[in-house]
Protein backbone atom coordinates (compact mmCIF):
# COMPACT_ATOMS: atom_id res chain seq x y z
CA MET A 1 67.16 15.77 -15.85
CA THR A 2 64.11 14.58 -13.88
CA SER A 3 60.68 16.23 -13.77
CA LYS A 4 61.49 17.35 -10.21
CA ASP A 5 64.67 19.05 -11.43
CA ARG A 6 62.68 20.78 -14.21
CA LEU A 7 60.13 22.25 -11.73
CA ILE A 8 61.16 25.39 -9.88
CA ILE A 9 58.88 26.21 -7.11
CA ALA A 10 58.47 29.95 -6.47
CA LEU A 11 58.52 30.87 -2.77
CA ASP A 12 56.65 34.14 -3.35
CA LEU A 13 55.68 34.51 0.26
CA PRO A 14 55.92 37.40 2.77
CA SER A 15 58.07 35.76 5.51
CA GLN A 16 60.75 33.20 6.01
CA ASP A 17 58.41 31.17 8.37
CA GLU A 18 55.69 30.92 5.65
CA ALA A 19 58.26 29.90 3.13
CA GLN A 20 59.62 27.19 5.40
CA ALA A 21 56.08 25.97 6.07
CA ALA A 22 55.54 25.66 2.30
CA ILE A 23 58.84 23.78 1.90
CA ASP A 24 57.87 21.47 4.68
CA ALA A 25 54.38 20.87 3.16
CA ILE A 26 55.80 20.10 -0.24
CA GLY A 27 58.45 17.75 1.23
CA ALA A 28 60.46 15.56 -1.01
CA GLU A 29 58.46 16.73 -4.04
CA GLY A 30 60.35 20.02 -4.07
CA THR A 31 64.04 19.96 -5.07
CA PHE A 32 64.42 23.38 -6.73
CA TYR A 33 63.05 26.68 -5.18
CA LYS A 34 62.95 30.30 -6.38
CA ILE A 35 63.60 33.17 -3.99
CA GLY A 36 62.69 36.58 -5.36
CA TYR A 37 62.05 40.20 -4.24
CA GLN A 38 59.25 39.47 -1.76
CA LEU A 39 61.27 37.08 0.31
CA MET A 40 64.73 38.35 -0.28
CA PRO A 41 64.63 41.26 2.32
CA VAL A 42 62.86 39.30 5.07
CA GLY A 43 65.36 36.43 5.42
CA GLY A 44 65.42 35.16 1.86
CA LEU A 45 69.23 35.16 1.70
CA ASP A 46 69.55 33.09 4.87
CA LEU A 47 66.91 30.73 3.47
CA ALA A 48 68.77 30.34 0.23
CA LYS A 49 71.90 29.33 2.14
CA ARG A 50 69.95 26.88 4.29
CA LEU A 51 68.28 25.32 1.27
CA THR A 52 71.73 24.90 -0.38
CA ASP A 53 73.10 23.30 2.67
CA ASP A 54 70.13 20.88 2.77
CA GLY A 55 71.04 19.81 -0.80
CA LYS A 56 68.28 21.74 -2.63
CA LYS A 57 68.79 23.85 -5.79
CA VAL A 58 68.13 27.58 -5.61
CA PHE A 59 67.07 30.14 -8.21
CA LEU A 60 67.92 33.64 -7.01
CA ASP A 61 65.46 35.77 -9.01
CA PHE A 62 67.04 39.15 -8.21
CA LYS A 63 66.95 40.65 -11.74
CA PHE A 64 70.15 42.73 -11.30
CA HIS A 65 70.06 45.94 -13.37
CA ASP A 66 72.86 48.50 -13.07
CA ILE A 67 76.18 49.51 -14.60
CA GLY A 68 78.33 46.54 -15.44
CA ALA A 69 80.90 47.14 -12.72
CA THR A 70 78.21 47.26 -10.02
CA VAL A 71 76.55 44.13 -11.27
CA GLU A 72 79.92 42.35 -11.29
CA ARG A 73 80.43 43.17 -7.66
CA GLY A 74 76.95 42.14 -6.75
CA VAL A 75 77.22 38.85 -8.46
CA LYS A 76 80.52 38.08 -6.70
CA SER A 77 78.65 38.57 -3.40
CA VAL A 78 75.68 36.52 -4.40
CA ALA A 79 77.89 33.57 -5.51
CA LYS A 80 78.85 33.06 -1.86
CA LEU A 81 75.25 31.88 -1.22
CA GLY A 82 75.76 28.80 -3.34
CA GLY A 83 72.80 29.45 -5.69
CA ASP A 84 72.24 27.66 -8.95
CA PHE A 85 70.47 30.36 -11.09
CA LEU A 86 70.63 34.13 -10.94
CA THR A 87 68.72 36.50 -13.03
CA VAL A 88 69.93 39.77 -14.51
CA HIS A 89 68.40 42.09 -17.13
CA ALA A 90 69.25 41.31 -20.72
CA GLU A 91 71.39 44.32 -21.54
CA PRO A 92 74.99 43.76 -22.83
CA ASP A 93 76.79 45.74 -20.11
CA VAL A 94 74.71 44.09 -17.36
CA LEU A 95 75.31 40.60 -18.77
CA ARG A 96 79.04 41.11 -19.19
CA GLY A 97 79.28 42.35 -15.60
CA ALA A 98 77.31 39.30 -14.28
CA VAL A 99 79.47 36.81 -16.18
CA GLU A 100 82.67 38.48 -14.97
CA GLY A 101 81.29 38.42 -11.43
CA ARG A 102 80.43 34.81 -11.62
CA GLY A 103 83.91 34.00 -12.67
CA ASP A 104 84.86 30.36 -12.70
CA ASP A 105 81.99 29.33 -10.29
CA LYS A 106 80.87 26.05 -11.83
CA ARG A 107 77.45 26.07 -10.06
CA LEU A 108 75.95 29.59 -10.61
CA LYS A 109 74.26 30.05 -13.88
CA ILE A 110 73.50 33.55 -15.30
CA LEU A 111 70.04 33.92 -16.73
CA ALA A 112 69.00 36.94 -18.79
CA VAL A 113 65.47 38.23 -18.31
CA THR A 114 64.04 38.83 -21.82
CA VAL A 115 60.47 40.13 -21.56
CA LEU A 116 58.40 39.61 -18.45
CA THR A 117 55.40 37.26 -18.85
CA SER A 118 53.21 39.91 -17.37
CA LEU A 119 53.75 42.05 -20.45
CA ASP A 120 52.27 41.85 -23.95
CA GLN A 121 52.64 43.80 -27.11
CA ALA A 122 50.32 46.61 -25.89
CA SER A 123 52.45 46.93 -22.70
CA LEU A 124 55.61 47.38 -24.89
CA THR A 125 53.89 49.98 -27.10
CA LYS A 126 52.90 51.95 -23.97
CA MET A 127 56.58 52.08 -23.09
CA GLY A 128 57.63 53.29 -26.45
CA ILE A 129 58.99 49.96 -27.65
CA GLU A 130 57.63 49.19 -31.15
CA ILE A 131 59.67 46.08 -32.03
CA PRO A 132 57.45 43.02 -32.13
CA LEU A 133 57.59 41.11 -28.75
CA PRO A 134 58.98 37.82 -30.23
CA ASP A 135 61.76 39.74 -32.04
CA LEU A 136 62.61 41.60 -28.86
CA VAL A 137 62.90 38.35 -26.94
CA LEU A 138 65.22 36.85 -29.61
CA LYS A 139 67.36 40.00 -29.64
CA ARG A 140 67.81 39.86 -25.85
CA ALA A 141 68.49 36.13 -26.01
CA GLU A 142 71.23 37.03 -28.59
CA PHE A 143 72.78 39.45 -26.09
CA ALA A 144 72.78 36.71 -23.50
CA ALA A 145 74.65 34.26 -25.83
CA GLU A 146 77.12 36.92 -26.93
CA ALA A 147 77.98 37.79 -23.32
CA GLY A 148 78.46 34.14 -22.33
CA ALA A 149 75.32 33.88 -20.11
CA ASP A 150 73.96 30.42 -19.48
CA GLY A 151 70.26 30.94 -20.34
CA VAL A 152 67.28 33.15 -20.48
CA VAL A 153 63.99 33.70 -18.73
CA ALA A 154 61.30 33.80 -21.40
CA SER A 155 57.68 32.81 -21.95
CA ALA A 156 57.08 29.33 -23.44
CA LYS A 157 55.36 31.23 -26.27
CA GLU A 158 58.86 32.30 -27.42
CA ALA A 159 60.76 29.20 -26.28
CA LYS A 160 60.37 27.37 -29.60
CA ALA A 161 62.01 30.20 -31.50
CA ILE A 162 64.79 30.50 -28.91
CA LYS A 163 65.48 26.83 -29.16
CA ALA A 164 65.50 26.91 -32.86
CA ARG A 165 68.03 29.78 -32.92
CA PHE A 166 70.34 28.72 -30.08
CA GLY A 167 69.77 25.00 -29.51
CA ASP A 168 71.16 23.83 -26.18
CA ALA A 169 73.48 26.80 -25.87
CA LEU A 170 70.95 28.60 -23.74
CA LYS A 171 68.83 27.11 -20.99
CA ILE A 172 65.20 28.34 -21.15
CA VAL A 173 63.51 29.05 -17.84
CA THR A 174 59.81 29.74 -18.17
CA PRO A 175 57.57 31.57 -15.74
CA GLY A 176 53.88 32.21 -16.32
CA VAL A 177 53.04 28.48 -16.23
CA ARG A 178 49.63 27.45 -14.95
CA PRO A 179 48.04 24.01 -14.88
CA ALA A 180 44.88 23.77 -16.94
CA GLY A 181 42.03 25.54 -15.13
CA ALA A 182 44.26 27.53 -12.78
CA ASP A 183 43.84 31.38 -12.50
CA ALA A 184 46.30 33.28 -14.68
CA ASN A 185 46.47 36.04 -11.95
CA ASP A 186 48.77 38.87 -13.28
CA GLN A 187 50.29 36.81 -16.11
CA LYS A 188 49.39 37.58 -19.74
CA ARG A 189 51.49 35.08 -21.80
CA VAL A 190 50.42 31.91 -20.02
CA VAL A 191 50.87 28.29 -20.94
CA THR A 192 50.37 24.87 -19.22
CA PRO A 193 53.29 22.74 -17.93
CA ALA A 194 52.92 20.36 -20.82
CA GLY A 195 52.73 23.21 -23.30
CA ALA A 196 55.92 24.74 -21.89
CA VAL A 197 57.88 21.49 -22.13
CA ALA A 198 56.60 20.90 -25.66
CA ALA A 199 57.78 24.31 -26.66
CA GLY A 200 61.28 23.63 -25.48
CA ALA A 201 61.40 25.02 -21.90
CA ASP A 202 64.07 23.41 -19.76
CA HIS A 203 62.68 24.58 -16.39
CA LEU A 204 59.22 25.77 -15.36
CA VAL A 205 58.70 28.34 -12.59
CA ILE A 206 55.42 27.72 -10.73
CA GLY A 207 54.37 29.32 -7.48
CA ARG A 208 50.75 29.97 -6.48
CA PRO A 209 49.26 26.78 -8.03
CA ILE A 210 51.46 24.84 -5.59
CA ILE A 211 52.04 26.94 -2.56
CA ALA A 212 48.41 28.10 -2.32
CA ALA A 213 46.98 24.69 -2.90
CA LYS A 214 45.15 22.85 -0.14
CA ASP A 215 47.70 20.07 -0.54
CA PRO A 216 50.99 21.54 -1.90
CA LYS A 217 52.65 18.17 -2.05
CA LYS A 218 49.91 16.63 -4.17
CA ALA A 219 49.81 19.75 -6.40
CA ALA A 220 53.56 19.43 -7.08
CA GLN A 221 53.22 15.68 -7.81
CA HIS A 222 50.54 16.39 -10.37
CA ILE A 223 52.74 18.91 -12.09
CA HIS A 224 55.70 16.48 -12.10
CA GLN A 225 53.46 13.89 -13.78
CA GLU A 226 52.37 16.39 -16.47
CA ILE A 227 56.01 17.40 -17.10
CA ALA A 228 57.18 13.79 -17.29
CA ALA A 229 54.44 12.89 -19.76
CA ALA A 230 55.37 15.83 -22.00
CA VAL A 231 59.12 15.13 -22.14
CA PRO A 232 60.10 13.54 -25.46
CA ALA A 233 61.27 9.88 -25.04
């Protein structure tokens, strides 16, 4: 897997035109893109299909969360877009429905969202969740493995423990990644690209440090270089 394949560029933008402008500015440095809630209702699904047709990889960050049967039907529909990754919440019934909905599709990988990187232990306590955050992440990763999901979305701060427990059985996709010196914005459990790779993350999701840069192509190149330098020989 190349550094370009490891980097997932988040198209967190308010319109399809702005997303396409970012893709054009990044050029050949972008091979894997994330489409989430902001873009999904304003042409994101059409863009996902177009990216797929252009040979790009697509991460559909839809975070499905409903009864298993409803999730199963939703995933069956999403599979028609030709995406590579799809997120669902890490609950057993949700995960089973997603895996059933994916069926024998060899391309679409189901990822379980463990604990958002915008949350910390104080956030969990406020919600009435007393289990230590690292333990909760591992518990939800276990749900993913038991259901036959392909990976998890988790902070690099928990990636090492996930890798130690599950090895290569679960892909680890890590958001909340910021190059050194970049603004953390709304993220609380932040790491650098090199730190994420060293912790065991397979893919890094990075948006604003690239798409908001003066030169998005150069910003992506710098991150590719940092990833490549951190990957064990």
